[in-house]
Amino acid sequence: MPVQAMRDAIRDAIREEMLRDDKVFILGEEVAQYNGPFKCTRDLWAEFGDKRVIDTPIAELGFAGIACGAAFKGLRPIVDFMTWNFALLASDHILNSAAKTYYMSGGMVKCPIVFRGPNGSAIGAGAQHSQDFTSWYANVPGLKVVAPATPAEAKGLLKSAIRDNGPVCVLEHELLYGKEGEVPADDDFTIPIGKATIARAGKDVTLVAASFMVHRALEAAELLAAEGIEAEVVNLRSIRPLDETTILDSVRKTNRCVAVEEGWQFCGLAAEIAALVTGKAFDHLDAPVERVSQADVPLPYARNLEAMSLPQAAQIVAAAKKVCYV
């Protein structure tokens, strides 16, 4: 399989789906002539033209609303947010127009739309540009939410999202755009939404994570292995729907669980994982579920404080040791 950076895998996913289905188009700020702010739409404007690769004004509410209307009429728009932080301005259309119309219309009006862009922390981007929106959008019935950790996942999940008949939020971590990995060259390669995977097998403790935190968990697993603790890493890939079976099967094997998230702990993804495991695998637990999350502050701009605020491998190691009573 060829090796690609995540940004190139995303670009190929969009191109392949635009070639496959002429109803697919993309719009957003600087997606056309500038090739996308993170170069995820490189050369698409030159190939498909102004009608299918559309540069928009800096008006997230406006172009998200246009895209929802297009989806209601049978097109398949991809909305490119320069950052998910800016999607707050479009939240009315994401949460009300896209997520709720199918239900409120009694199934008569579908909204096949993809909202995608960089999520989570960058490096020194400041608090207003460094938020993890995973739990924000996963809270909403009617939305599907996916968060790839590898280039192959970015391609496979995005293609599935574009083909889906409902709204899907694709949360691509900003720090992973340059990450390289093997990506299947098959134009029909997809990854089903709602299916997690085991990123590393182990027998002593389950580490559950998504997106960039999968790599933090894998780093922690290496450190734990050096001390004789074999950690199993569950890569969620899909946040809503959540693959409960893979999580619970792993916990029933290891009898211990650490839930890791980049976002804030209060009402967060790790809390949902803890509730799931405690509610459905309580008799298999040998220790309470531990959570590792971002500090309960807006993410600092200063690099040293930023690192202190975000979950690091050492914190995951400490949590794993705690549930293993080491």
C-alpha atoms as a PDB file:
ATOM      1  CA  MET A   1       0.000   0.000   0.000  1.00  0.00           C
ATOM      2  CA  PRO A   2       1.253   3.524  -0.736  1.00  0.00           C
ATOM      3  CA  VAL A   3       2.303   5.765   2.142  1.00  0.00           C
ATOM      4  CA  GLN A   4       0.515   9.115   2.368  1.00  0.00           C
ATOM      5  CA  ALA A   5       0.173  12.045   4.694  1.00  0.00           C
ATOM      6  CA  MET A   6      -3.289  12.440   6.195  1.00  0.00           C
ATOM      7  CA  ARG A   7      -3.951  15.634   4.225  1.00  0.00           C
ATOM      8  CA  ASP A   8      -3.319  13.763   0.973  1.00  0.00           C
ATOM      9  CA  ALA A   9      -5.535  10.849   2.014  1.00  0.00           C
ATOM     10  CA  ILE A  10      -8.344  13.333   2.725  1.00  0.00           C
ATOM     11  CA  ARG A  11      -7.812  15.008  -0.624  1.00  0.00           C
ATOM     12  CA  ASP A  12      -7.945  11.665  -2.444  1.00  0.00           C
ATOM     13  CA  ALA A  13     -11.136  10.700  -0.614  1.00  0.00           C
ATOM     14  CA  ILE A  14     -12.851  13.901  -1.732  1.00  0.00           C
ATOM     15  CA  ARG A  15     -11.590  13.578  -5.323  1.00  0.00           C
ATOM     16  CA  GLU A  16     -12.621   9.935  -5.653  1.00  0.00           C
ATOM     17  CA  GLU A  17     -16.115  10.667  -4.352  1.00  0.00           C
ATOM     18  CA  MET A  18     -16.478  13.691  -6.633  1.00  0.00           C
ATOM     19  CA  LEU A  19     -15.545  11.483  -9.589  1.00  0.00           C
ATOM     20  CA  ARG A  20     -17.916   8.760  -8.434  1.00  0.00           C
ATOM     21  CA  ASP A  21     -20.924  11.015  -7.826  1.00  0.00           C
ATOM     22  CA  ASP A  22     -21.507  14.334  -9.585  1.00  0.00           C
ATOM     23  CA  LYS A  23     -23.789  15.422  -6.737  1.00  0.00           C
ATOM     24  CA  VAL A  24     -20.760  15.801  -4.447  1.00  0.00           C
ATOM     25  CA  PHE A  25     -19.259  19.275  -4.149  1.00  0.00           C
ATOM     26  CA  ILE A  26     -17.156  21.134  -1.584  1.00  0.00           C
ATOM     27  CA  LEU A  27     -17.369  24.673  -0.295  1.00  0.00           C
ATOM     28  CA  GLY A  28     -15.567  26.713   2.311  1.00  0.00           C
ATOM     29  CA  GLU A  29     -12.986  29.383   2.885  1.00  0.00           C
ATOM     30  CA  GLU A  30      -9.931  29.103   0.584  1.00  0.00           C
ATOM     31  CA  VAL A  31     -10.777  25.566  -0.604  1.00  0.00           C
ATOM     32  CA  ALA A  32     -10.441  26.432  -4.306  1.00  0.00           C
ATOM     33  CA  GLN A  33      -7.631  28.579  -5.700  1.00  0.00           C
ATOM     34  CA  TYR A  34      -5.607  28.466  -2.461  1.00  0.00           C
ATOM     35  CA  ASN A  35      -5.910  24.630  -2.341  1.00  0.00           C
ATOM     36  CA  GLY A  36      -7.320  24.661   1.197  1.00  0.00           C
ATOM     37  CA  PRO A  37      -5.811  26.157   4.353  1.00  0.00           C
ATOM     38  CA  PHE A  38      -4.233  22.758   5.174  1.00  0.00           C
ATOM     39  CA  LYS A  39      -3.905  21.709   1.505  1.00  0.00           C
ATOM     40  CA  CYS A  40      -6.591  19.046   1.859  1.00  0.00           C
ATOM     41  CA  THR A  41      -8.259  20.248  -1.365  1.00  0.00           C
ATOM     42  CA  ARG A  42      -5.081  20.626  -3.424  1.00  0.00           C
ATOM     43  CA  ASP A  43      -5.714  20.761  -7.211  1.00  0.00           C
ATOM     44  CA  LEU A  44      -9.439  20.000  -6.889  1.00  0.00           C
ATOM     45  CA  TRP A  45     -10.490  23.426  -8.189  1.00  0.00           C
ATOM     46  CA  ALA A  46      -8.272  23.021 -11.251  1.00  0.00           C
ATOM     47  CA  GLU A  47      -9.883  19.648 -11.975  1.00  0.00           C
ATOM     48  CA  PHE A  48     -13.543  20.264 -11.121  1.00  0.00           C
ATOM     49  CA  GLY A  49     -14.009  24.011 -11.520  1.00  0.00           C
ATOM     50  CA  ASP A  50     -15.950  26.757  -9.759  1.00  0.00           C
ATOM     51  CA  LYS A  51     -19.304  24.987  -9.570  1.00  0.00           C
ATOM     52  CA  ARG A  52     -18.025  22.044  -7.511  1.00  0.00           C
ATOM     53  CA  VAL A  53     -15.125  23.581  -5.573  1.00  0.00           C
ATOM     54  CA  ILE A  54     -16.448  26.829  -4.191  1.00  0.00           C
ATOM     55  CA  ASP A  55     -14.578  29.534  -2.323  1.00  0.00           C
ATOM     56  CA  THR A  56     -16.902  31.235   0.151  1.00  0.00           C
ATOM     57  CA  PRO A  57     -16.805  34.512   2.051  1.00  0.00           C
ATOM     58  CA  ILE A  58     -15.825  34.400   5.719  1.00  0.00           C
ATOM     59  CA  ALA A  59     -19.406  33.611   6.701  1.00  0.00           C
ATOM     60  CA  GLU A  60     -19.748  30.167   8.280  1.00  0.00           C
ATOM     61  CA  LEU A  61     -23.438  30.536   9.110  1.00  0.00           C
ATOM     62  CA  GLY A  62     -24.177  31.538   5.536  1.00  0.00           C
ATOM     63  CA  PHE A  63     -22.334  28.817   3.642  1.00  0.00           C
ATOM     64  CA  ALA A  64     -23.387  26.102   6.119  1.00  0.00           C
ATOM     65  CA  GLY A  65     -26.995  27.139   5.515  1.00  0.00           C
ATOM     66  CA  ILE A  66     -26.507  27.084   1.732  1.00  0.00           C
ATOM     67  CA  ALA A  67     -25.045  23.591   2.026  1.00  0.00           C
ATOM     68  CA  CYS A  68     -27.954  22.346   4.139  1.00  0.00           C
ATOM     69  CA  GLY A  69     -30.409  23.652   1.550  1.00  0.00           C
ATOM     70  CA  ALA A  70     -28.462  21.904  -1.203  1.00  0.00           C
ATOM     71  CA  ALA A  71     -28.499  18.660   0.775  1.00  0.00           C
ATOM     72  CA  PHE A  72     -32.272  18.918   1.273  1.00  0.00           C
ATOM     73  CA  LYS A  73     -32.610  19.067  -2.537  1.00  0.00           C
ATOM     74  CA  GLY A  74     -30.516  15.927  -3.100  1.00  0.00           C
ATOM     75  CA  LEU A  75     -26.947  17.184  -3.503  1.00  0.00           C
ATOM     76  CA  ARG A  76     -24.089  15.972  -1.289  1.00  0.00           C
ATOM     77  CA  PRO A  77     -22.148  18.976  -0.026  1.00  0.00           C
ATOM     78  CA  ILE A  78     -18.897  18.842   1.931  1.00  0.00           C
ATOM     79  CA  VAL A  79     -18.557  21.859   4.186  1.00  0.00           C
ATOM     80  CA  ASP A  80     -14.914  22.689   4.899  1.00  0.00           C
ATOM     81  CA  PHE A  81     -14.418  24.623   8.117  1.00  0.00           C
ATOM     82  CA  MET A  82     -11.001  26.236   8.301  1.00  0.00           C
ATOM     83  CA  THR A  83     -11.156  25.103  11.929  1.00  0.00           C
ATOM     84  CA  TRP A  84     -13.951  23.594  13.963  1.00  0.00           C
ATOM     85  CA  ASN A  85     -13.627  26.577  16.273  1.00  0.00           C
ATOM     86  CA  PHE A  86     -15.137  28.702  13.492  1.00  0.00           C
ATOM     87  CA  ALA A  87     -17.978  26.193  13.146  1.00  0.00           C
ATOM     88  CA  LEU A  88     -19.440  27.683  16.322  1.00  0.00           C
ATOM     89  CA  LEU A  89     -20.746  30.425  14.039  1.00  0.00           C
ATOM     90  CA  ALA A  90     -22.553  27.775  11.968  1.00  0.00           C
ATOM     91  CA  SER A  91     -23.883  25.792  14.923  1.00  0.00           C
ATOM     92  CA  ASP A  92     -27.506  26.772  14.236  1.00  0.00           C
ATOM     93  CA  HIS A  93     -27.448  25.000  10.877  1.00  0.00           C
ATOM     94  CA  ILE A  94     -25.367  22.043  12.113  1.00  0.00           C
ATOM     95  CA  LEU A  95     -27.529  21.405  15.175  1.00  0.00           C
ATOM     96  CA  ASN A  96     -30.937  22.536  13.941  1.00  0.00           C
ATOM     97  CA  SER A  97     -31.069  22.390  10.144  1.00  0.00           C
ATOM     98  CA  ALA A  98     -28.848  19.348   9.508  1.00  0.00           C
ATOM     99  CA  ALA A  99     -29.302  17.222  12.616  1.00  0.00           C
ATOM    100  CA  LYS A 100     -33.040  17.595  13.187  1.00  0.00           C
ATOM    101  CA  THR A 101     -34.766  17.925   9.823  1.00  0.00           C
ATOM    102  CA  TYR A 102     -34.975  14.199   9.029  1.00  0.00           C
ATOM    103  CA  TYR A 103     -36.687  13.527  12.365  1.00  0.00           C
ATOM    104  CA  MET A 104     -38.908  16.605  12.260  1.00  0.00           C
ATOM    105  CA  SER A 105     -40.027  15.839   8.691  1.00  0.00           C
ATOM    106  CA  GLY A 106     -41.019  12.294   9.610  1.00  0.00           C
ATOM    107  CA  GLY A 107     -38.259  10.899   7.401  1.00  0.00           C
ATOM    108  CA  MET A 108     -39.370  12.826   4.321  1.00  0.00           C
ATOM    109  CA  VAL A 109     -36.340  15.156   4.055  1.00  0.00           C
ATOM    110  CA  LYS A 110     -32.805  13.778   4.168  1.00  0.00           C
ATOM    111  CA  CYS A 111     -29.671  15.820   4.736  1.00  0.00           C
ATOM    112  CA  PRO A 112     -26.643  14.033   3.203  1.00  0.00           C
ATOM    113  CA  ILE A 113     -23.979  16.515   4.260  1.00  0.00           C
ATOM    114  CA  VAL A 114     -20.426  16.352   5.618  1.00  0.00           C
ATOM    115  CA  PHE A 115     -18.994  18.961   7.950  1.00  0.00           C
ATOM    116  CA  ARG A 116     -15.216  18.555   8.167  1.00  0.00           C
ATOM    117  CA  GLY A 117     -12.095  20.390   9.272  1.00  0.00           C
ATOM    118  CA  PRO A 118      -9.310  20.538  11.887  1.00  0.00           C
ATOM    119  CA  ASN A 119     -10.278  19.872  15.490  1.00  0.00           C
ATOM    120  CA  GLY A 120      -8.462  20.020  18.812  1.00  0.00           C
ATOM    121  CA  SER A 121      -5.233  21.643  19.881  1.00  0.00           C
ATOM    122  CA  ALA A 122      -2.633  23.033  17.536  1.00  0.00           C
ATOM    123  CA  ILE A 123       0.712  24.394  18.761  1.00  0.00           C
ATOM    124  CA  GLY A 124       0.499  27.792  20.390  1.00  0.00           C
ATOM    125  CA  ALA A 125      -2.776  28.644  18.675  1.00  0.00           C
ATOM    126  CA  GLY A 126      -4.403  30.087  21.774  1.00  0.00           C
ATOM    127  CA  ALA A 127      -7.546  29.131  23.634  1.00  0.00           C
ATOM    128  CA  GLN A 128     -10.052  30.263  21.009  1.00  0.00           C
ATOM    129  CA  HIS A 129      -8.431  28.117  18.299  1.00  0.00           C
ATOM    130  CA  SER A 130      -7.620  25.038  20.390  1.00  0.00           C
ATOM    131  CA  GLN A 131     -10.848  23.361  21.449  1.00  0.00           C
ATOM    132  CA  ASP A 132     -11.813  19.723  21.121  1.00  0.00           C
ATOM    133  CA  PHE A 133     -15.418  19.573  19.917  1.00  0.00           C
ATOM    134  CA  THR A 134     -15.863  15.801  20.150  1.00  0.00           C
ATOM    135  CA  SER A 135     -18.325  15.734  23.030  1.00  0.00           C
ATOM    136  CA  TRP A 136     -20.052  18.914  21.846  1.00  0.00           C
ATOM    137  CA  TYR A 137     -21.359  17.403  18.607  1.00  0.00           C
ATOM    138  CA  ALA A 138     -21.591  13.806  19.811  1.00  0.00           C
ATOM    139  CA  ASN A 139     -24.250  15.004  22.260  1.00  0.00           C
ATOM    140  CA  VAL A 140     -26.709  15.759  19.443  1.00  0.00           C
ATOM    141  CA  PRO A 141     -29.167  13.119  18.145  1.00  0.00           C
ATOM    142  CA  GLY A 142     -29.223  13.132  14.351  1.00  0.00           C
ATOM    143  CA  LEU A 143     -25.500  13.761  13.921  1.00  0.00           C
ATOM    144  CA  LYS A 144     -22.840  11.151  13.311  1.00  0.00           C
ATOM    145  CA  VAL A 145     -19.365  12.047  14.552  1.00  0.00           C
ATOM    146  CA  VAL A 146     -16.087  10.435  13.481  1.00  0.00           C
ATOM    147  CA  ALA A 147     -12.493  11.169  14.502  1.00  0.00           C
ATOM    148  CA  PRO A 148      -9.704   9.480  12.496  1.00  0.00           C
ATOM    149  CA  ALA A 149      -6.287   8.764  13.995  1.00  0.00           C
ATOM    150  CA  THR A 150      -4.433   7.611  10.853  1.00  0.00           C
ATOM    151  CA  PRO A 151      -4.340   8.570   7.156  1.00  0.00           C
ATOM    152  CA  ALA A 152      -6.158   5.362   6.185  1.00  0.00           C
ATOM    153  CA  GLU A 153      -8.901   6.096   8.699  1.00  0.00           C
ATOM    154  CA  ALA A 154      -9.158   9.672   7.459  1.00  0.00           C
ATOM    155  CA  LYS A 155      -9.769   8.432   3.913  1.00  0.00           C
ATOM    156  CA  GLY A 156     -12.028   5.502   4.758  1.00  0.00           C
ATOM    157  CA  LEU A 157     -14.202   7.382   7.240  1.00  0.00           C
ATOM    158  CA  LEU A 158     -14.533  10.467   5.027  1.00  0.00           C
ATOM    159  CA  LYS A 159     -15.661   8.375   2.061  1.00  0.00           C
ATOM    160  CA  SER A 160     -18.252   6.669   4.257  1.00  0.00           C
ATOM    161  CA  ALA A 161     -19.374  10.072   5.539  1.00  0.00           C
ATOM    162  CA  ILE A 162     -19.825  11.443   2.012  1.00  0.00           C
ATOM    163  CA  ARG A 163     -21.903   8.400   1.035  1.00  0.00           C
ATOM    164  CA  ASP A 164     -24.039   8.570   4.186  1.00  0.00           C
ATOM    165  CA  ASN A 165     -27.595   9.858   3.819  1.00  0.00           C
ATOM    166  CA  GLY A 166     -27.402  11.972   6.949  1.00  0.00           C
ATOM    167  CA  PRO A 167     -25.168  14.674   8.435  1.00  0.00           C
ATOM    168  CA  VAL A 168     -21.690  13.572   9.540  1.00  0.00           C
ATOM    169  CA  CYS A 169     -19.133  15.650  11.440  1.00  0.00           C
ATOM    170  CA  VAL A 170     -15.580  14.624  10.552  1.00  0.00           C
ATOM    171  CA  LEU A 171     -13.168  15.843  13.226  1.00  0.00           C
ATOM    172  CA  GLU A 172      -9.661  15.780  11.758  1.00  0.00           C
ATOM    173  CA  HIS A 173      -6.992  16.639  14.294  1.00  0.00           C
ATOM    174  CA  GLU A 174      -4.883  19.590  13.203  1.00  0.00           C
ATOM    175  CA  LEU A 175      -1.633  18.007  14.411  1.00  0.00           C
ATOM    176  CA  LEU A 176      -2.231  14.862  12.314  1.00  0.00           C
ATOM    177  CA  TYR A 177      -2.451  16.395   8.831  1.00  0.00           C
ATOM    178  CA  GLY A 178       1.231  15.726   8.222  1.00  0.00           C
ATOM    179  CA  LYS A 179       1.226  12.245   9.783  1.00  0.00           C
ATOM    180  CA  GLU A 180       2.077   9.532   7.265  1.00  0.00           C
ATOM    181  CA  GLY A 181       0.809   5.979   7.013  1.00  0.00           C
ATOM    182  CA  GLU A 182      -0.214   3.264   4.593  1.00  0.00           C
ATOM    183  CA  VAL A 183      -3.453   3.972   2.738  1.00  0.00           C
ATOM    184  CA  PRO A 184      -5.263   1.479   0.476  1.00  0.00           C
ATOM    185  CA  ALA A 185      -5.283   2.665  -3.142  1.00  0.00           C
ATOM    186  CA  ASP A 186      -8.719   1.106  -3.807  1.00  0.00           C
ATOM    187  CA  ASP A 187     -11.227   3.770  -4.875  1.00  0.00           C
ATOM    188  CA  ASP A 188     -13.948   1.875  -3.007  1.00  0.00           C
ATOM    189  CA  PHE A 189     -12.005   1.606   0.265  1.00  0.00           C
ATOM    190  CA  THR A 190     -14.245   2.686   3.130  1.00  0.00           C
ATOM    191  CA  ILE A 191     -14.327   2.253   6.907  1.00  0.00           C
ATOM    192  CA  PRO A 192     -17.795   1.735   8.382  1.00  0.00           C
ATOM    193  CA  ILE A 193     -19.009   4.450  10.706  1.00  0.00           C
ATOM    194  CA  GLY A 194     -19.676   3.018  14.161  1.00  0.00           C
ATOM    195  CA  LYS A 195     -16.839   0.484  14.263  1.00  0.00           C
ATOM    196  CA  ALA A 196     -13.808   0.839  16.556  1.00  0.00           C
ATOM    197  CA  THR A 197     -10.550  -1.040  16.165  1.00  0.00           C
ATOM    198  CA  ILE A 198      -7.855  -2.455  18.427  1.00  0.00           C
ATOM    199  CA  ALA A 199      -4.732  -0.378  17.814  1.00  0.00           C
ATOM    200  CA  ARG A 200      -2.645  -2.537  20.155  1.00  0.00           C
ATOM    201  CA  ALA A 201      -3.540  -5.810  21.838  1.00  0.00           C
ATOM    202  CA  GLY A 202      -2.939  -6.335  25.550  1.00  0.00           C
ATOM    203  CA  LYS A 203      -4.208  -8.241  28.567  1.00  0.00           C
ATOM    204  CA  ASP A 204      -3.749  -6.041  31.636  1.00  0.00           C
ATOM    205  CA  VAL A 205      -5.604  -2.762  31.060  1.00  0.00           C
ATOM    206  CA  THR A 206      -7.750  -1.169  28.341  1.00  0.00           C
ATOM    207  CA  LEU A 207      -6.907   2.344  27.139  1.00  0.00           C
ATOM    208  CA  VAL A 208      -9.802   3.899  25.186  1.00  0.00           C
ATOM    209  CA  ALA A 209      -9.017   6.922  23.003  1.00  0.00           C
ATOM    210  CA  ALA A 210      -9.797   8.680  19.725  1.00  0.00           C
ATOM    211  CA  SER A 211      -7.977  10.846  17.190  1.00  0.00           C
ATOM    212  CA  PHE A 212      -4.673  12.313  18.439  1.00  0.00           C
ATOM    213  CA  MET A 213      -5.111  10.720  21.866  1.00  0.00           C
ATOM    214  CA  VAL A 214      -4.755   7.275  20.239  1.00  0.00           C
ATOM    215  CA  HIS A 215      -1.111   8.138  19.638  1.00  0.00           C
ATOM    216  CA  ARG A 216      -0.718   9.321  23.229  1.00  0.00           C
ATOM    217  CA  ALA A 217      -2.248   6.025  24.395  1.00  0.00           C
ATOM    218  CA  LEU A 218       0.081   4.013  22.165  1.00  0.00           C
ATOM    219  CA  GLU A 219       3.048   5.940  23.554  1.00  0.00           C
ATOM    220  CA  ALA A 220       1.844   5.161  27.068  1.00  0.00           C
ATOM    221  CA  ALA A 221       1.394   1.499  26.160  1.00  0.00           C
ATOM    222  CA  GLU A 222       5.048   1.325  25.104  1.00  0.00           C
ATOM    223  CA  LEU A 223       6.139   2.793  28.425  1.00  0.00           C
ATOM    224  CA  LEU A 224       3.879   0.410  30.339  1.00  0.00           C
ATOM    225  CA  ALA A 225       5.210  -2.590  28.418  1.00  0.00           C
ATOM    226  CA  ALA A 226       8.707  -1.733  29.608  1.00  0.00           C
ATOM    227  CA  GLU A 227       7.383  -2.189  33.153  1.00  0.00           C
ATOM    228  CA  GLY A 228       5.614  -5.463  32.422  1.00  0.00           C
ATOM    229  CA  ILE A 229       2.089  -4.082  31.951  1.00  0.00           C
ATOM    230  CA  GLU A 230       0.441  -5.008  28.631  1.00  0.00           C
ATOM    231  CA  ALA A 231      -2.070  -2.341  27.685  1.00  0.00           C
ATOM    232  CA  GLU A 232      -4.737  -2.800  25.022  1.00  0.00           C
ATOM    233  CA  VAL A 233      -5.505   0.370  23.055  1.00  0.00           C
ATOM    234  CA  VAL A 234      -9.007   0.812  21.639  1.00  0.00           C
ATOM    235  CA  ASN A 235      -9.127   3.354  18.809  1.00  0.00           C
ATOM    236  CA  LEU A 236     -12.738   4.527  18.735  1.00  0.00           C
ATOM    237  CA  ARG A 237     -12.675   6.064  15.215  1.00  0.00           C
ATOM    238  CA  SER A 238     -16.428   6.675  15.508  1.00  0.00           C
ATOM    239  CA  ILE A 239     -17.773   8.663  18.460  1.00  0.00           C
ATOM    240  CA  ARG A 240     -21.435   8.612  17.526  1.00  0.00           C
ATOM    241  CA  PRO A 241     -22.479   5.911  16.951  1.00  0.00           C
ATOM    242  CA  LEU A 242     -20.146   4.394  19.537  1.00  0.00           C
ATOM    243  CA  ASP A 243     -18.875   0.843  19.152  1.00  0.00           C
ATOM    244  CA  GLU A 244     -19.853  -0.402  22.597  1.00  0.00           C
ATOM    245  CA  THR A 245     -19.109  -4.025  21.760  1.00  0.00           C
ATOM    246  CA  THR A 246     -15.401  -3.523  21.064  1.00  0.00           C
ATOM    247  CA  ILE A 247     -14.940  -1.436  24.215  1.00  0.00           C
ATOM    248  CA  LEU A 248     -16.798  -3.863  26.471  1.00  0.00           C
ATOM    249  CA  ASP A 249     -15.138  -6.959  25.001  1.00  0.00           C
ATOM    250  CA  SER A 250     -11.747  -5.419  25.712  1.00  0.00           C
ATOM    251  CA  VAL A 251     -12.640  -4.467  29.289  1.00  0.00           C
ATOM    252  CA  ARG A 252     -14.062  -7.930  29.965  1.00  0.00           C
ATOM    253  CA  LYS A 253     -10.669  -9.285  28.904  1.00  0.00           C
ATOM    254  CA  THR A 254      -8.419  -6.876  30.824  1.00  0.00           C
ATOM    255  CA  ASN A 255     -10.766  -6.074  33.747  1.00  0.00           C
ATOM    256  CA  ARG A 256      -9.475  -2.492  33.888  1.00  0.00           C
ATOM    257  CA  CYS A 257     -10.130   0.668  31.887  1.00  0.00           C
ATOM    258  CA  VAL A 258      -8.615   4.121  31.392  1.00  0.00           C
ATOM    259  CA  ALA A 259     -10.619   6.521  29.220  1.00  0.00           C
ATOM    260  CA  VAL A 260      -8.516   9.184  27.516  1.00  0.00           C
ATOM    261  CA  GLU A 261      -9.781  12.339  25.833  1.00  0.00           C
ATOM    262  CA  GLU A 262      -8.279  15.619  24.706  1.00  0.00           C
ATOM    263  CA  GLY A 263     -11.322  17.622  25.740  1.00  0.00           C
ATOM    264  CA  TRP A 264     -12.401  18.816  29.150  1.00  0.00           C
ATOM    265  CA  GLN A 265     -13.423  16.150  31.632  1.00  0.00           C
ATOM    266  CA  PHE A 266     -16.759  17.576  32.790  1.00  0.00           C
ATOM    267  CA  CYS A 267     -19.581  16.077  30.654  1.00  0.00           C
ATOM    268  CA  GLY A 268     -16.935  14.719  28.288  1.00  0.00           C
ATOM    269  CA  LEU A 269     -16.233  11.660  26.159  1.00  0.00           C
ATOM    270  CA  ALA A 270     -14.278   9.946  28.934  1.00  0.00           C
ATOM    271  CA  ALA A 271     -17.281  10.311  31.227  1.00  0.00           C
ATOM    272  CA  GLU A 272     -19.444   8.574  28.626  1.00  0.00           C
ATOM    273  CA  ILE A 273     -16.939   5.723  28.333  1.00  0.00           C
ATOM    274  CA  ALA A 274     -16.779   5.398  32.112  1.00  0.00           C
ATOM    275  CA  ALA A 275     -20.565   5.284  32.350  1.00  0.00           C
ATOM    276  CA  LEU A 276     -20.761   2.653  29.606  1.00  0.00           C
ATOM    277  CA  VAL A 277     -18.148   0.393  31.161  1.00  0.00           C
ATOM    278  CA  THR A 278     -19.478   0.795  34.693  1.00  0.00           C
ATOM    279  CA  GLY A 279     -23.042   0.198  33.578  1.00  0.00           C
ATOM    280  CA  LYS A 280     -22.474  -2.796  31.304  1.00  0.00           C
ATOM    281  CA  ALA A 281     -19.267  -4.442  32.521  1.00  0.00           C
ATOM    282  CA  PHE A 282     -19.294  -3.662  36.240  1.00  0.00           C
ATOM    283  CA  ASP A 283     -18.898  -7.286  37.337  1.00  0.00           C
ATOM    284  CA  HIS A 284     -15.752  -7.574  35.199  1.00  0.00           C
ATOM    285  CA  LEU A 285     -13.980  -4.551  36.688  1.00  0.00           C
ATOM    286  CA  ASP A 286     -11.169  -5.051  39.173  1.00  0.00           C
ATOM    287  CA  ALA A 287     -10.821  -1.285  39.689  1.00  0.00           C
ATOM    288  CA  PRO A 288     -12.836   1.882  39.081  1.00  0.00           C
ATOM    289  CA  VAL A 289     -12.538   3.409  35.606  1.00  0.00           C
ATOM    290  CA  GLU A 290      -9.946   6.190  35.458  1.00  0.00           C
ATOM    291  CA  ARG A 291     -10.249   9.262  33.228  1.00  0.00           C
ATOM    292  CA  VAL A 292      -7.421  11.291  31.684  1.00  0.00           C
ATOM    293  CA  SER A 293      -8.484  14.617  30.191  1.00  0.00           C
ATOM    294  CA  GLN A 294      -7.404  18.175  29.489  1.00  0.00           C
ATOM    295  CA  ALA A 295      -7.057  20.505  32.462  1.00  0.00           C
ATOM    296  CA  ASP A 296     -10.252  22.402  33.251  1.00  0.00           C
ATOM    297  CA  VAL A 297      -9.044  25.677  31.767  1.00  0.00           C
ATOM    298  CA  PRO A 298      -9.051  27.304  28.316  1.00  0.00           C
ATOM    299  CA  LEU A 299      -5.933  25.981  26.616  1.00  0.00           C
ATOM    300  CA  PRO A 300      -3.003  28.349  27.321  1.00  0.00           C
ATOM    301  CA  TYR A 301      -1.007  29.995  24.550  1.00  0.00           C
ATOM    302  CA  ALA A 302       2.371  29.517  26.228  1.00  0.00           C
ATOM    303  CA  ARG A 303       3.946  26.280  25.041  1.00  0.00           C
ATOM    304  CA  ASN A 304       4.977  25.058  28.501  1.00  0.00           C
ATOM    305  CA  LEU A 305       1.527  25.702  29.967  1.00  0.00           C
ATOM    306  CA  GLU A 306      -0.144  24.198  26.899  1.00  0.00           C
ATOM    307  CA  ALA A 307       1.798  20.951  27.402  1.00  0.00           C
ATOM    308  CA  MET A 308       0.895  20.900  31.086  1.00  0.00           C
ATOM    309  CA  SER A 309      -2.792  21.323  30.252  1.00  0.00           C
ATOM    310  CA  LEU A 310      -3.068  18.581  27.612  1.00  0.00           C
ATOM    311  CA  PRO A 311      -3.064  14.843  28.399  1.00  0.00           C
ATOM    312  CA  GLN A 312       0.419  13.378  28.126  1.00  0.00           C
ATOM    313  CA  ALA A 313       1.637   9.789  28.022  1.00  0.00           C
ATOM    314  CA  ALA A 314       2.941  10.033  31.582  1.00  0.00           C
ATOM    315  CA  GLN A 315      -0.556  10.797  32.885  1.00  0.00           C
ATOM    316  CA  ILE A 316      -1.993   7.815  31.035  1.00  0.00           C
ATOM    317  CA  VAL A 317       0.765   5.614  32.457  1.00  0.00           C
ATOM    318  CA  ALA A 318      -0.021   6.840  35.969  1.00  0.00           C
ATOM    319  CA  ALA A 319      -3.740   6.160  35.506  1.00  0.00           C
ATOM    320  CA  ALA A 320      -3.027   2.662  34.141  1.00  0.00           C
ATOM    321  CA  LYS A 321      -0.779   1.865  37.080  1.00  0.00           C
ATOM    322  CA  LYS A 322      -3.461   3.082  39.457  1.00  0.00           C
ATOM    323  CA  VAL A 323      -6.104   0.717  38.100  1.00  0.00           C
ATOM    324  CA  CYS A 324      -3.515  -2.077  38.064  1.00  0.00           C
ATOM    325  CA  TYR A 325      -2.667  -1.307  41.716  1.00  0.00           C
ATOM    326  CA  VAL A 326       1.011  -0.847  40.851  1.00  0.00           C
END
